[in-house]
Amino acid sequence: MSMAPRRPSRPWAALLAALWLCAAPLAAREPAPTTAARPAEGVETVATDAAEAAEARGAQVPKLTGPVVDLTGTLDAAASSRLSERSLELQRRKGAQLMLLILDSTGGEDIAAYAGRVFAQWRPGRAGVDDGVLIVVAKRDRQMRIHLGRGLEATIPDATAQRVIDEILTPAFRDEDYPGGLERAYDALIGLIDGTPLPEPEPDHLPWPLLIFAGLMVSPFVLIPLFGMRAAWRTGPAAFFGRWALIAVVAVAAYFITVPKLAPDLPEWQRWMPMALLTYIASAFAWVSAFAGSDGGRGRPWDDRDEDERRRRRSSSSSSSSSNSSSYSGGGGSSDGGGASGRW
């Protein structure tokens, strides 16, 4: 008996059709993105992502509404108006922009990093000239920052900006004089942009109790050489001027030995200190040694010898007068002891 060819069972065919229908959409999907390096224009995206991450960690950058943005209400309306007008007047006259931001806190972010983010979003200064200045004050953090555009880095070096902070802003802020400190800082920064340098810093003045104590400590080192000079003068001109010559020789030798060999970037007082110290040691030795030459039985002072010479001259003159008047004599009178006595 002949049999017909056997067909595949229909359940298996239905199962294969179902699997194909499920796999087809998966095969049509786009490949997953890879981590391959992006082209150069992707760097800006990475920088933006980093900025967004920093903003998420710290305080947000507020919207720029004017030259002065005070989020804490530290400045009253009059002070804020004066500072704004100073900024706008500078912009009209020079083109440079000076901006101020006062906020409560940077949220733990470094003040320099936060000021950099604010500068990047506010973009003070002219494009291509980059003559912008940003002052950021974090009041609760007690921190401040003067952020400069690259076009002003030569006009306002970092050391000069630090002087504005140390000499103007910091003392005023410690006294809670925020408007006064900021106005004086504006004057200094605008003057620097105009080409007016900061005045030289005032030297530090020592308190008078310390000056008195230093005077008492130094006085023996000054008085002993002075008395030695007197002793040398009493000994004789040769001893006096000879010691001065010795001190001069030591000073000149100390200069050529020490000053040219020191680093040129040292402060002036440090460059001259070795020479001054060696000269003082030589002078102290020279004048103190004069005490041994003026006394001690080895000779009397030369001015005393001059005094003896003058006495001898007077004595010889008196003797000469006596010898010349030897023919003069009394007339032979007498006395009964009358008269008066007294004290002086």
C-alpha atoms as a PDB file:
ATOM      1  CA  MET A   1       0.000   0.000   0.000  1.00  0.00           C
ATOM      2  CA  SER A   2       1.430   3.297  -1.030  1.00  0.00           C
ATOM      3  CA  MET A   3       1.653   6.111   1.513  1.00  0.00           C
ATOM      4  CA  ALA A   4       1.740   9.933   0.834  1.00  0.00           C
ATOM      5  CA  PRO A   5       4.810  11.999   1.961  1.00  0.00           C
ATOM      6  CA  ARG A   6       4.563  13.117   5.518  1.00  0.00           C
ATOM      7  CA  ARG A   7       4.086  16.854   6.180  1.00  0.00           C
ATOM      8  CA  PRO A   8       5.636  18.690   9.140  1.00  0.00           C
ATOM      9  CA  SER A   9       3.313  19.100  12.012  1.00  0.00           C
ATOM     10  CA  ARG A  10       1.517  22.399  12.163  1.00  0.00           C
ATOM     11  CA  PRO A  11       2.301  23.172  15.849  1.00  0.00           C
ATOM     12  CA  TRP A  12       6.049  23.374  15.070  1.00  0.00           C
ATOM     13  CA  ALA A  13       5.423  25.663  12.132  1.00  0.00           C
ATOM     14  CA  ALA A  14       3.358  27.995  14.258  1.00  0.00           C
ATOM     15  CA  LEU A  15       6.114  28.099  16.876  1.00  0.00           C
ATOM     16  CA  LEU A  16       8.813  29.000  14.293  1.00  0.00           C
ATOM     17  CA  ALA A  17       6.589  31.722  12.865  1.00  0.00           C
ATOM     18  CA  ALA A  18       6.087  33.217  16.317  1.00  0.00           C
ATOM     19  CA  LEU A  19       9.863  33.232  17.019  1.00  0.00           C
ATOM     20  CA  TRP A  20      10.530  34.994  13.707  1.00  0.00           C
ATOM     21  CA  LEU A  21       7.960  37.640  14.444  1.00  0.00           C
ATOM     22  CA  CYS A  22       9.591  38.344  17.838  1.00  0.00           C
ATOM     23  CA  ALA A  23      13.166  38.505  16.498  1.00  0.00           C
ATOM     24  CA  ALA A  24      12.420  40.764  13.546  1.00  0.00           C
ATOM     25  CA  PRO A  25      11.875  43.978  15.604  1.00  0.00           C
ATOM     26  CA  LEU A  26      15.073  43.333  17.602  1.00  0.00           C
ATOM     27  CA  ALA A  27      17.116  43.001  14.426  1.00  0.00           C
ATOM     28  CA  ALA A  28      15.666  46.242  13.078  1.00  0.00           C
ATOM     29  CA  ARG A  29      16.806  48.344  16.082  1.00  0.00           C
ATOM     30  CA  GLU A  30      19.797  50.763  15.812  1.00  0.00           C
ATOM     31  CA  PRO A  31      23.053  49.645  17.356  1.00  0.00           C
ATOM     32  CA  ALA A  32      23.716  50.819  20.927  1.00  0.00           C
ATOM     33  CA  PRO A  33      25.917  53.919  21.255  1.00  0.00           C
ATOM     34  CA  THR A  34      29.578  53.234  21.832  1.00  0.00           C
ATOM     35  CA  THR A  35      32.063  55.022  24.082  1.00  0.00           C
ATOM     36  CA  ALA A  36      34.365  55.904  21.215  1.00  0.00           C
ATOM     37  CA  ALA A  37      35.993  59.356  21.313  1.00  0.00           C
ATOM     38  CA  ARG A  38      33.829  62.100  19.888  1.00  0.00           C
ATOM     39  CA  PRO A  39      35.104  64.694  17.462  1.00  0.00           C
ATOM     40  CA  ALA A  40      36.614  67.958  18.686  1.00  0.00           C
ATOM     41  CA  GLU A  41      33.318  69.777  18.907  1.00  0.00           C
ATOM     42  CA  GLY A  42      32.253  67.350  21.630  1.00  0.00           C
ATOM     43  CA  VAL A  43      34.692  68.968  24.058  1.00  0.00           C
ATOM     44  CA  GLU A  44      32.245  71.804  24.587  1.00  0.00           C
ATOM     45  CA  THR A  45      29.573  69.307  25.552  1.00  0.00           C
ATOM     46  CA  VAL A  46      31.902  67.684  28.066  1.00  0.00           C
ATOM     47  CA  ALA A  47      32.745  71.087  29.546  1.00  0.00           C
ATOM     48  CA  THR A  48      29.061  71.883  29.782  1.00  0.00           C
ATOM     49  CA  ASP A  49      28.425  68.617  31.577  1.00  0.00           C
ATOM     50  CA  ALA A  50      31.242  69.417  34.023  1.00  0.00           C
ATOM     51  CA  ALA A  51      29.787  72.861  34.649  1.00  0.00           C
ATOM     52  CA  GLU A  52      26.367  71.373  35.261  1.00  0.00           C
ATOM     53  CA  ALA A  53      27.877  68.888  37.706  1.00  0.00           C
ATOM     54  CA  ALA A  54      29.669  71.688  39.554  1.00  0.00           C
ATOM     55  CA  GLU A  55      26.461  73.709  39.687  1.00  0.00           C
ATOM     56  CA  ALA A  56      24.668  70.711  41.118  1.00  0.00           C
ATOM     57  CA  ARG A  57      27.272  70.470  43.894  1.00  0.00           C
ATOM     58  CA  GLY A  58      27.533  74.227  44.672  1.00  0.00           C
ATOM     59  CA  ALA A  59      25.343  77.296  44.489  1.00  0.00           C
ATOM     60  CA  GLN A  60      23.558  78.108  41.264  1.00  0.00           C
ATOM     61  CA  VAL A  61      24.658  81.039  39.171  1.00  0.00           C
ATOM     62  CA  PRO A  62      22.020  83.758  39.467  1.00  0.00           C
ATOM     63  CA  LYS A  63      20.628  85.630  36.525  1.00  0.00           C
ATOM     64  CA  LEU A  64      22.476  88.783  35.531  1.00  0.00           C
ATOM     65  CA  THR A  65      20.083  91.674  36.093  1.00  0.00           C
ATOM     66  CA  GLY A  66      22.536  94.564  36.302  1.00  0.00           C
ATOM     67  CA  PRO A  67      26.104  95.535  37.220  1.00  0.00           C
ATOM     68  CA  VAL A  68      25.315  94.829  40.894  1.00  0.00           C
ATOM     69  CA  VAL A  69      23.507  91.644  41.952  1.00  0.00           C
ATOM     70  CA  ASP A  70      22.960  91.518  45.710  1.00  0.00           C
ATOM     71  CA  LEU A  71      21.143  88.365  46.804  1.00  0.00           C
ATOM     72  CA  THR A  72      21.570  89.102  50.519  1.00  0.00           C
ATOM     73  CA  GLY A  73      20.263  92.648  50.834  1.00  0.00           C
ATOM     74  CA  THR A  74      23.605  93.798  52.211  1.00  0.00           C
ATOM     75  CA  LEU A  75      23.605  97.002  50.180  1.00  0.00           C
ATOM     76  CA  ASP A  76      20.880  99.544  50.473  1.00  0.00           C
ATOM     77  CA  ALA A  77      19.328 101.097  47.391  1.00  0.00           C
ATOM     78  CA  ALA A  78      21.608 104.149  47.479  1.00  0.00           C
ATOM     79  CA  ALA A  79      24.832 102.155  47.727  1.00  0.00           C
ATOM     80  CA  SER A  80      23.727  99.726  45.027  1.00  0.00           C
ATOM     81  CA  SER A  81      22.830 102.640  42.766  1.00  0.00           C
ATOM     82  CA  ARG A  82      26.212 104.327  43.306  1.00  0.00           C
ATOM     83  CA  LEU A  83      28.130 101.162  42.488  1.00  0.00           C
ATOM     84  CA  SER A  84      25.978 100.476  39.429  1.00  0.00           C
ATOM     85  CA  GLU A  85      26.510 103.998  38.152  1.00  0.00           C
ATOM     86  CA  ARG A  86      30.271 103.673  38.625  1.00  0.00           C
ATOM     87  CA  SER A  87      30.246 100.473  36.570  1.00  0.00           C
ATOM     88  CA  LEU A  88      28.111 101.941  33.802  1.00  0.00           C
ATOM     89  CA  GLU A  89      30.227 105.100  33.667  1.00  0.00           C
ATOM     90  CA  LEU A  90      33.359 102.967  33.268  1.00  0.00           C
ATOM     91  CA  GLN A  91      31.699 100.989  30.484  1.00  0.00           C
ATOM     92  CA  ARG A  92      30.668 104.164  28.632  1.00  0.00           C
ATOM     93  CA  ARG A  93      34.103 105.691  28.982  1.00  0.00           C
ATOM     94  CA  LYS A  94      36.466 102.732  28.520  1.00  0.00           C
ATOM     95  CA  GLY A  95      34.328  99.818  27.358  1.00  0.00           C
ATOM     96  CA  ALA A  96      35.394  97.650  30.291  1.00  0.00           C
ATOM     97  CA  GLN A  97      32.780  96.115  32.575  1.00  0.00           C
ATOM     98  CA  LEU A  98      32.909  95.814  36.362  1.00  0.00           C
ATOM     99  CA  MET A  99      30.337  93.510  37.960  1.00  0.00           C
ATOM    100  CA  LEU A 100      29.510  92.614  41.561  1.00  0.00           C
ATOM    101  CA  LEU A 101      27.785  89.562  43.016  1.00  0.00           C
ATOM    102  CA  ILE A 102      26.962  89.239  46.710  1.00  0.00           C
ATOM    103  CA  LEU A 103      25.504  85.920  47.785  1.00  0.00           C
ATOM    104  CA  ASP A 104      25.079  84.064  51.045  1.00  0.00           C
ATOM    105  CA  SER A 105      27.278  81.026  50.352  1.00  0.00           C
ATOM    106  CA  THR A 106      28.837  79.065  47.526  1.00  0.00           C
ATOM    107  CA  GLY A 107      27.515  75.822  49.021  1.00  0.00           C
ATOM    108  CA  GLY A 108      30.953  74.459  49.853  1.00  0.00           C
ATOM    109  CA  GLU A 109      32.414  75.140  46.427  1.00  0.00           C
ATOM    110  CA  ASP A 110      35.763  76.895  46.220  1.00  0.00           C
ATOM    111  CA  ILE A 111      35.262  80.620  45.768  1.00  0.00           C
ATOM    112  CA  ALA A 112      37.640  80.736  42.789  1.00  0.00           C
ATOM    113  CA  ALA A 113      35.814  77.901  41.025  1.00  0.00           C
ATOM    114  CA  TYR A 114      32.429  79.469  41.686  1.00  0.00           C
ATOM    115  CA  ALA A 115      33.595  82.885  40.492  1.00  0.00           C
ATOM    116  CA  GLY A 116      34.908  81.208  37.350  1.00  0.00           C
ATOM    117  CA  ARG A 117      31.485  79.707  36.678  1.00  0.00           C
ATOM    118  CA  VAL A 118      29.797  83.058  37.218  1.00  0.00           C
ATOM    119  CA  PHE A 119      32.303  84.761  34.934  1.00  0.00           C
ATOM    120  CA  ALA A 120      31.741  82.133  32.254  1.00  0.00           C
ATOM    121  CA  GLN A 121      27.970  82.720  32.287  1.00  0.00           C
ATOM    122  CA  TRP A 122      27.883  86.476  32.773  1.00  0.00           C
ATOM    123  CA  ARG A 123      30.823  87.091  30.399  1.00  0.00           C
ATOM    124  CA  PRO A 124      31.814  90.598  31.552  1.00  0.00           C
ATOM    125  CA  GLY A 125      34.002  92.623  29.196  1.00  0.00           C
ATOM    126  CA  ARG A 126      34.097  93.061  25.454  1.00  0.00           C
ATOM    127  CA  ALA A 127      34.441  90.029  23.199  1.00  0.00           C
ATOM    128  CA  GLY A 128      38.008  89.724  21.965  1.00  0.00           C
ATOM    129  CA  VAL A 129      39.213  92.378  24.434  1.00  0.00           C
ATOM    130  CA  ASP A 130      38.235  90.483  27.597  1.00  0.00           C
ATOM    131  CA  ASP A 131      38.364  93.572  29.802  1.00  0.00           C
ATOM    132  CA  GLY A 132      35.913  92.426  32.458  1.00  0.00           C
ATOM    133  CA  VAL A 133      36.223  92.381  36.250  1.00  0.00           C
ATOM    134  CA  LEU A 134      33.964  90.361  38.540  1.00  0.00           C
ATOM    135  CA  ILE A 135      33.840  90.739  42.322  1.00  0.00           C
ATOM    136  CA  VAL A 136      32.173  87.855  44.154  1.00  0.00           C
ATOM    137  CA  VAL A 137      31.440  88.129  47.884  1.00  0.00           C
ATOM    138  CA  ALA A 138      30.166  85.054  49.764  1.00  0.00           C
ATOM    139  CA  LYS A 139      28.997  86.737  52.944  1.00  0.00           C
ATOM    140  CA  ARG A 140      28.328  83.777  55.224  1.00  0.00           C
ATOM    141  CA  ASP A 141      31.456  82.002  54.012  1.00  0.00           C
ATOM    142  CA  ARG A 142      33.438  85.217  54.665  1.00  0.00           C
ATOM    143  CA  GLN A 143      35.192  84.807  51.332  1.00  0.00           C
ATOM    144  CA  MET A 144      35.647  87.083  48.350  1.00  0.00           C
ATOM    145  CA  ARG A 145      37.168  86.919  44.921  1.00  0.00           C
ATOM    146  CA  ILE A 146      38.258  89.410  42.259  1.00  0.00           C
ATOM    147  CA  HIS A 147      38.054  87.544  38.956  1.00  0.00           C
ATOM    148  CA  LEU A 148      39.768  89.168  35.994  1.00  0.00           C
ATOM    149  CA  GLY A 149      39.374  88.838  32.263  1.00  0.00           C
ATOM    150  CA  ARG A 150      42.507  87.804  30.427  1.00  0.00           C
ATOM    151  CA  GLY A 151      42.730  91.213  28.798  1.00  0.00           C
ATOM    152  CA  LEU A 152      43.310  92.844  32.203  1.00  0.00           C
ATOM    153  CA  GLU A 153      45.845  90.392  33.595  1.00  0.00           C
ATOM    154  CA  ALA A 154      48.691  92.762  32.737  1.00  0.00           C
ATOM    155  CA  THR A 155      46.845  95.876  33.900  1.00  0.00           C
ATOM    156  CA  ILE A 156      45.715  94.316  37.185  1.00  0.00           C
ATOM    157  CA  PRO A 157      48.203  91.563  38.113  1.00  0.00           C
ATOM    158  CA  ASP A 158      47.205  88.960  40.655  1.00  0.00           C
ATOM    159  CA  ALA A 159      49.435  90.549  43.288  1.00  0.00           C
ATOM    160  CA  THR A 160      47.711  93.908  42.788  1.00  0.00           C
ATOM    161  CA  ALA A 161      44.253  92.339  43.025  1.00  0.00           C
ATOM    162  CA  GLN A 162      45.390  90.665  46.241  1.00  0.00           C
ATOM    163  CA  ARG A 163      46.416  94.054  47.602  1.00  0.00           C
ATOM    164  CA  VAL A 164      42.944  95.413  46.870  1.00  0.00           C
ATOM    165  CA  ILE A 165      41.508  92.540  48.892  1.00  0.00           C
ATOM    166  CA  ASP A 166      43.994  92.725  51.760  1.00  0.00           C
ATOM    167  CA  GLU A 167      44.251  96.499  52.108  1.00  0.00           C
ATOM    168  CA  ILE A 168      40.738  97.671  51.183  1.00  0.00           C
ATOM    169  CA  LEU A 169      38.065  94.988  51.262  1.00  0.00           C
ATOM    170  CA  THR A 170      39.194  92.852  54.188  1.00  0.00           C
ATOM    171  CA  PRO A 171      39.522  95.674  56.782  1.00  0.00           C
ATOM    172  CA  ALA A 172      36.180  97.180  55.711  1.00  0.00           C
ATOM    173  CA  PHE A 173      34.362  93.851  55.792  1.00  0.00           C
ATOM    174  CA  ARG A 174      35.714  93.096  59.255  1.00  0.00           C
ATOM    175  CA  ASP A 175      34.140  96.356  60.406  1.00  0.00           C
ATOM    176  CA  GLU A 176      30.866  95.428  58.648  1.00  0.00           C
ATOM    177  CA  ASP A 177      31.363  98.382  56.285  1.00  0.00           C
ATOM    178  CA  TYR A 178      30.433  96.597  53.088  1.00  0.00           C
ATOM    179  CA  PRO A 179      29.314  99.642  51.068  1.00  0.00           C
ATOM    180  CA  GLY A 180      32.387 101.684  51.996  1.00  0.00           C
ATOM    181  CA  GLY A 181      34.802  98.857  51.299  1.00  0.00           C
ATOM    182  CA  LEU A 182      33.235  98.081  47.933  1.00  0.00           C
ATOM    183  CA  GLU A 183      33.211 101.732  46.879  1.00  0.00           C
ATOM    184  CA  ARG A 184      36.897 102.105  47.739  1.00  0.00           C
ATOM    185  CA  ALA A 185      37.654  98.850  45.898  1.00  0.00           C
ATOM    186  CA  TYR A 186      35.760 100.199  42.880  1.00  0.00           C
ATOM    187  CA  ASP A 187      37.864 103.359  43.015  1.00  0.00           C
ATOM    188  CA  ALA A 188      41.062 101.309  43.097  1.00  0.00           C
ATOM    189  CA  LEU A 189      40.066  98.916  40.302  1.00  0.00           C
ATOM    190  CA  ILE A 190      38.763 101.679  38.030  1.00  0.00           C
ATOM    191  CA  GLY A 191      41.936 103.633  38.675  1.00  0.00           C
ATOM    192  CA  LEU A 192      44.034 100.615  37.697  1.00  0.00           C
ATOM    193  CA  ILE A 193      42.050 100.232  34.475  1.00  0.00           C
ATOM    194  CA  ASP A 194      42.676 103.922  33.796  1.00  0.00           C
ATOM    195  CA  GLY A 195      46.395 103.414  34.377  1.00  0.00           C
ATOM    196  CA  THR A 196      46.692 104.805  37.905  1.00  0.00           C
ATOM    197  CA  PRO A 197      48.737 102.441  40.084  1.00  0.00           C
ATOM    198  CA  LEU A 198      47.911 101.726  43.688  1.00  0.00           C
ATOM    199  CA  PRO A 199      49.754 103.835  46.263  1.00  0.00           C
ATOM    200  CA  GLU A 200      52.696 102.224  47.957  1.00  0.00           C
ATOM    201  CA  PRO A 201      51.677 100.219  51.020  1.00  0.00           C
ATOM    202  CA  GLU A 202      52.217 101.963  54.312  1.00  0.00           C
ATOM    203  CA  PRO A 203      54.978 100.469  56.461  1.00  0.00           C
ATOM    204  CA  ASP A 204      53.913  98.555  59.510  1.00  0.00           C
ATOM    205  CA  HIS A 205      54.242 100.601  62.699  1.00  0.00           C
ATOM    206  CA  LEU A 206      55.443  98.816  65.807  1.00  0.00           C
ATOM    207  CA  PRO A 207      53.460  99.459  69.010  1.00  0.00           C
ATOM    208  CA  TRP A 208      55.186 101.866  71.394  1.00  0.00           C
ATOM    209  CA  PRO A 209      55.649  99.316  74.248  1.00  0.00           C
ATOM    210  CA  LEU A 210      57.612  97.138  71.855  1.00  0.00           C
ATOM    211  CA  LEU A 211      59.660 100.134  70.752  1.00  0.00           C
ATOM    212  CA  ILE A 212      60.520 100.958  74.386  1.00  0.00           C
ATOM    213  CA  PHE A 213      61.518  97.361  75.065  1.00  0.00           C
ATOM    214  CA  ALA A 214      63.653  97.256  71.910  1.00  0.00           C
ATOM    215  CA  GLY A 215      65.291 100.545  72.933  1.00  0.00           C
ATOM    216  CA  LEU A 216      66.219  99.164  76.342  1.00  0.00           C
ATOM    217  CA  MET A 217      67.657  96.044  74.772  1.00  0.00           C
ATOM    218  CA  VAL A 218      69.677  97.947  72.173  1.00  0.00           C
ATOM    219  CA  SER A 219      70.880 100.822  74.378  1.00  0.00           C
ATOM    220  CA  PRO A 220      73.912  98.967  75.850  1.00  0.00           C
ATOM    221  CA  PHE A 221      75.112  98.155  72.345  1.00  0.00           C
ATOM    222  CA  VAL A 222      74.976 101.883  71.527  1.00  0.00           C
ATOM    223  CA  LEU A 223      76.208 103.422  74.799  1.00  0.00           C
ATOM    224  CA  ILE A 224      79.261 101.196  75.245  1.00  0.00           C
ATOM    225  CA  PRO A 225      80.768 102.166  71.864  1.00  0.00           C
ATOM    226  CA  LEU A 226      79.991 105.826  72.606  1.00  0.00           C
ATOM    227  CA  PHE A 227      81.854 105.703  75.913  1.00  0.00           C
ATOM    228  CA  GLY A 228      84.610 103.828  74.119  1.00  0.00           C
ATOM    229  CA  MET A 229      84.866 106.691  71.633  1.00  0.00           C
ATOM    230  CA  ARG A 230      85.262 109.126  74.524  1.00  0.00           C
ATOM    231  CA  ALA A 231      87.924 106.937  76.087  1.00  0.00           C
ATOM    232  CA  ALA A 232      89.775 106.734  72.775  1.00  0.00           C
ATOM    233  CA  TRP A 233      89.601 110.523  72.394  1.00  0.00           C
ATOM    234  CA  ARG A 234      91.080 110.977  75.867  1.00  0.00           C
ATOM    235  CA  THR A 235      93.877 108.598  74.984  1.00  0.00           C
ATOM    236  CA  GLY A 236      94.949 110.623  71.965  1.00  0.00           C
ATOM    237  CA  PRO A 237      94.106 111.593  68.396  1.00  0.00           C
ATOM    238  CA  ALA A 238      96.048 108.665  67.005  1.00  0.00           C
ATOM    239  CA  ALA A 239      94.003 106.158  69.013  1.00  0.00           C
ATOM    240  CA  PHE A 240      90.732 107.871  68.112  1.00  0.00           C
ATOM    241  CA  PHE A 241      91.187 108.277  64.358  1.00  0.00           C
ATOM    242  CA  GLY A 242      93.057 104.981  64.083  1.00  0.00           C
ATOM    243  CA  ARG A 243      90.004 103.146  65.336  1.00  0.00           C
ATOM    244  CA  TRP A 244      87.799 104.993  62.847  1.00  0.00           C
ATOM    245  CA  ALA A 245      90.148 103.919  60.061  1.00  0.00           C
ATOM    246  CA  LEU A 246      89.960 100.316  61.251  1.00  0.00           C
ATOM    247  CA  ILE A 247      86.146 100.419  61.250  1.00  0.00           C
ATOM    248  CA  ALA A 248      86.106 101.872  57.723  1.00  0.00           C
ATOM    249  CA  VAL A 249      88.393  99.136  56.440  1.00  0.00           C
ATOM    250  CA  VAL A 250      86.193  96.434  57.997  1.00  0.00           C
ATOM    251  CA  ALA A 251      83.041  98.003  56.515  1.00  0.00           C
ATOM    252  CA  VAL A 252      84.495  98.132  52.996  1.00  0.00           C
ATOM    253  CA  ALA A 253      85.801  94.558  53.254  1.00  0.00           C
ATOM    254  CA  ALA A 254      82.433  93.348  54.581  1.00  0.00           C
ATOM    255  CA  TYR A 255      80.662  95.015  51.659  1.00  0.00           C
ATOM    256  CA  PHE A 256      82.755  93.267  49.002  1.00  0.00           C
ATOM    257  CA  ILE A 257      82.597  89.934  50.837  1.00  0.00           C
ATOM    258  CA  THR A 258      78.849  89.793  51.491  1.00  0.00           C
ATOM    259  CA  VAL A 259      76.669  92.106  49.385  1.00  0.00           C
ATOM    260  CA  PRO A 260      77.635  91.031  45.815  1.00  0.00           C
ATOM    261  CA  LYS A 261      77.376  87.343  46.736  1.00  0.00           C
ATOM    262  CA  LEU A 262      73.818  87.467  48.069  1.00  0.00           C
ATOM    263  CA  ALA A 263      70.800  86.682  45.921  1.00  0.00           C
ATOM    264  CA  PRO A 264      69.582  89.806  44.091  1.00  0.00           C
ATOM    265  CA  ASP A 265      65.931  89.045  44.855  1.00  0.00           C
ATOM    266  CA  LEU A 266      66.442  89.393  48.600  1.00  0.00           C
ATOM    267  CA  PRO A 267      64.981  92.455  50.342  1.00  0.00           C
ATOM    268  CA  GLU A 268      67.359  95.354  50.780  1.00  0.00           C
ATOM    269  CA  TRP A 269      67.652  95.002  54.549  1.00  0.00           C
ATOM    270  CA  GLN A 270      68.624  91.338  54.212  1.00  0.00           C
ATOM    271  CA  ARG A 271      71.289  92.192  51.656  1.00  0.00           C
ATOM    272  CA  TRP A 272      72.885  94.810  53.920  1.00  0.00           C
ATOM    273  CA  MET A 273      72.429  93.012  57.238  1.00  0.00           C
ATOM    274  CA  PRO A 274      75.668  90.905  57.115  1.00  0.00           C
ATOM    275  CA  MET A 275      77.748  93.989  56.316  1.00  0.00           C
ATOM    276  CA  ALA A 276      76.097  95.998  59.095  1.00  0.00           C
ATOM    277  CA  LEU A 277      76.616  93.184  61.599  1.00  0.00           C
ATOM    278  CA  LEU A 278      80.320  92.770  60.789  1.00  0.00           C
ATOM    279  CA  THR A 279      80.846  96.530  60.912  1.00  0.00           C
ATOM    280  CA  TYR A 280      79.151  96.791  64.278  1.00  0.00           C
ATOM    281  CA  ILE A 281      81.243  93.967  65.726  1.00  0.00           C
ATOM    282  CA  ALA A 282      84.418  95.673  64.546  1.00  0.00           C
ATOM    283  CA  SER A 283      83.356  99.055  65.917  1.00  0.00           C
ATOM    284  CA  ALA A 284      82.304  97.609  69.268  1.00  0.00           C
ATOM    285  CA  PHE A 285      85.650  95.825  69.622  1.00  0.00           C
ATOM    286  CA  ALA A 286      87.570  98.935  68.614  1.00  0.00           C
ATOM    287  CA  TRP A 287      85.817 101.300  70.999  1.00  0.00           C
ATOM    288  CA  VAL A 288      85.642  98.911  73.944  1.00  0.00           C
ATOM    289  CA  SER A 289      89.377  98.263  73.612  1.00  0.00           C
ATOM    290  CA  ALA A 290      89.910 101.988  74.141  1.00  0.00           C
ATOM    291  CA  PHE A 291      89.044 101.543  77.826  1.00  0.00           C
ATOM    292  CA  ALA A 292      92.201  99.475  78.324  1.00  0.00           C
ATOM    293  CA  GLY A 293      94.378 102.135  76.726  1.00  0.00           C
ATOM    294  CA  SER A 294      93.012 105.116  78.642  1.00  0.00           C
ATOM    295  CA  ASP A 295      93.365 103.828  82.223  1.00  0.00           C
ATOM    296  CA  GLY A 296      95.010 101.048  84.140  1.00  0.00           C
ATOM    297  CA  GLY A 297      98.305 102.768  85.002  1.00  0.00           C
ATOM    298  CA  ARG A 298      99.759 102.488  81.497  1.00  0.00           C
ATOM    299  CA  GLY A 299      99.375 106.179  80.801  1.00  0.00           C
ATOM    300  CA  ARG A 300      97.208 109.125  81.537  1.00  0.00           C
ATOM    301  CA  PRO A 301      94.724 110.609  79.075  1.00  0.00           C
ATOM    302  CA  TRP A 302      96.210 113.019  76.622  1.00  0.00           C
ATOM    303  CA  ASP A 303      93.940 115.882  77.649  1.00  0.00           C
ATOM    304  CA  ASP A 304      95.072 115.348  81.268  1.00  0.00           C
ATOM    305  CA  ARG A 305      98.657 115.565  80.088  1.00  0.00           C
ATOM    306  CA  ASP A 306      97.809 118.794  78.328  1.00  0.00           C
ATOM    307  CA  GLU A 307      96.330 120.094  81.547  1.00  0.00           C
ATOM    308  CA  ASP A 308      99.563 119.202  83.386  1.00  0.00           C
ATOM    309  CA  GLU A 309     101.517 120.973  80.700  1.00  0.00           C
ATOM    310  CA  ARG A 310      99.410 124.079  81.178  1.00  0.00           C
ATOM    311  CA  ARG A 311      99.931 123.885  84.941  1.00  0.00           C
ATOM    312  CA  ARG A 312     103.686 123.586  84.502  1.00  0.00           C
ATOM    313  CA  ARG A 313     103.655 126.617  82.259  1.00  0.00           C
ATOM    314  CA  ARG A 314     101.712 128.598  84.821  1.00  0.00           C
ATOM    315  CA  SER A 315     104.092 127.452  87.572  1.00  0.00           C
ATOM    316  CA  SER A 316     107.142 128.414  85.598  1.00  0.00           C
ATOM    317  CA  SER A 317     105.568 131.763  84.814  1.00  0.00           C
ATOM    318  CA  SER A 318     104.845 132.289  88.491  1.00  0.00           C
ATOM    319  CA  SER A 319     108.419 131.367  89.434  1.00  0.00           C
ATOM    320  CA  SER A 320     109.731 133.739  86.852  1.00  0.00           C
ATOM    321  CA  SER A 321     107.595 136.505  88.278  1.00  0.00           C
ATOM    322  CA  SER A 322     108.853 135.763  91.769  1.00  0.00           C
ATOM    323  CA  SER A 323     112.443 135.844  90.674  1.00  0.00           C
ATOM    324  CA  ASN A 324     111.911 139.081  88.822  1.00  0.00           C
ATOM    325  CA  SER A 325     110.281 140.742  91.881  1.00  0.00           C
ATOM    326  CA  SER A 326     112.695 139.475  94.588  1.00  0.00           C
ATOM    327  CA  SER A 327     113.611 143.060  95.543  1.00  0.00           C
ATOM    328  CA  TYR A 328     110.099 143.770  96.764  1.00  0.00           C
ATOM    329  CA  SER A 329     109.496 143.216 100.567  1.00  0.00           C
ATOM    330  CA  GLY A 330     107.241 144.156 103.425  1.00  0.00           C
ATOM    331  CA  GLY A 331     107.541 147.315 105.408  1.00  0.00           C
ATOM    332  CA  GLY A 332     107.755 145.567 108.871  1.00  0.00           C
ATOM    333  CA  GLY A 333     104.212 146.085 110.194  1.00  0.00           C
ATOM    334  CA  SER A 334     102.533 143.854 112.886  1.00  0.00           C
ATOM    335  CA  SER A 335      99.001 142.636 113.823  1.00  0.00           C
ATOM    336  CA  ASP A 336      96.997 141.920 116.974  1.00  0.00           C
ATOM    337  CA  GLY A 337      94.859 139.094 115.316  1.00  0.00           C
ATOM    338  CA  GLY A 338      91.884 141.184 114.341  1.00  0.00           C
ATOM    339  CA  GLY A 339      89.693 140.439 111.298  1.00  0.00           C
ATOM    340  CA  ALA A 340      86.803 137.985 110.262  1.00  0.00           C
ATOM    341  CA  SER A 341      86.445 134.424 108.904  1.00  0.00           C
ATOM    342  CA  GLY A 342      83.711 132.630 106.868  1.00  0.00           C
ATOM    343  CA  ARG A 343      82.799 129.542 104.678  1.00  0.00           C
ATOM    344  CA  TRP A 344      82.172 129.224 100.987  1.00  0.00           C
END
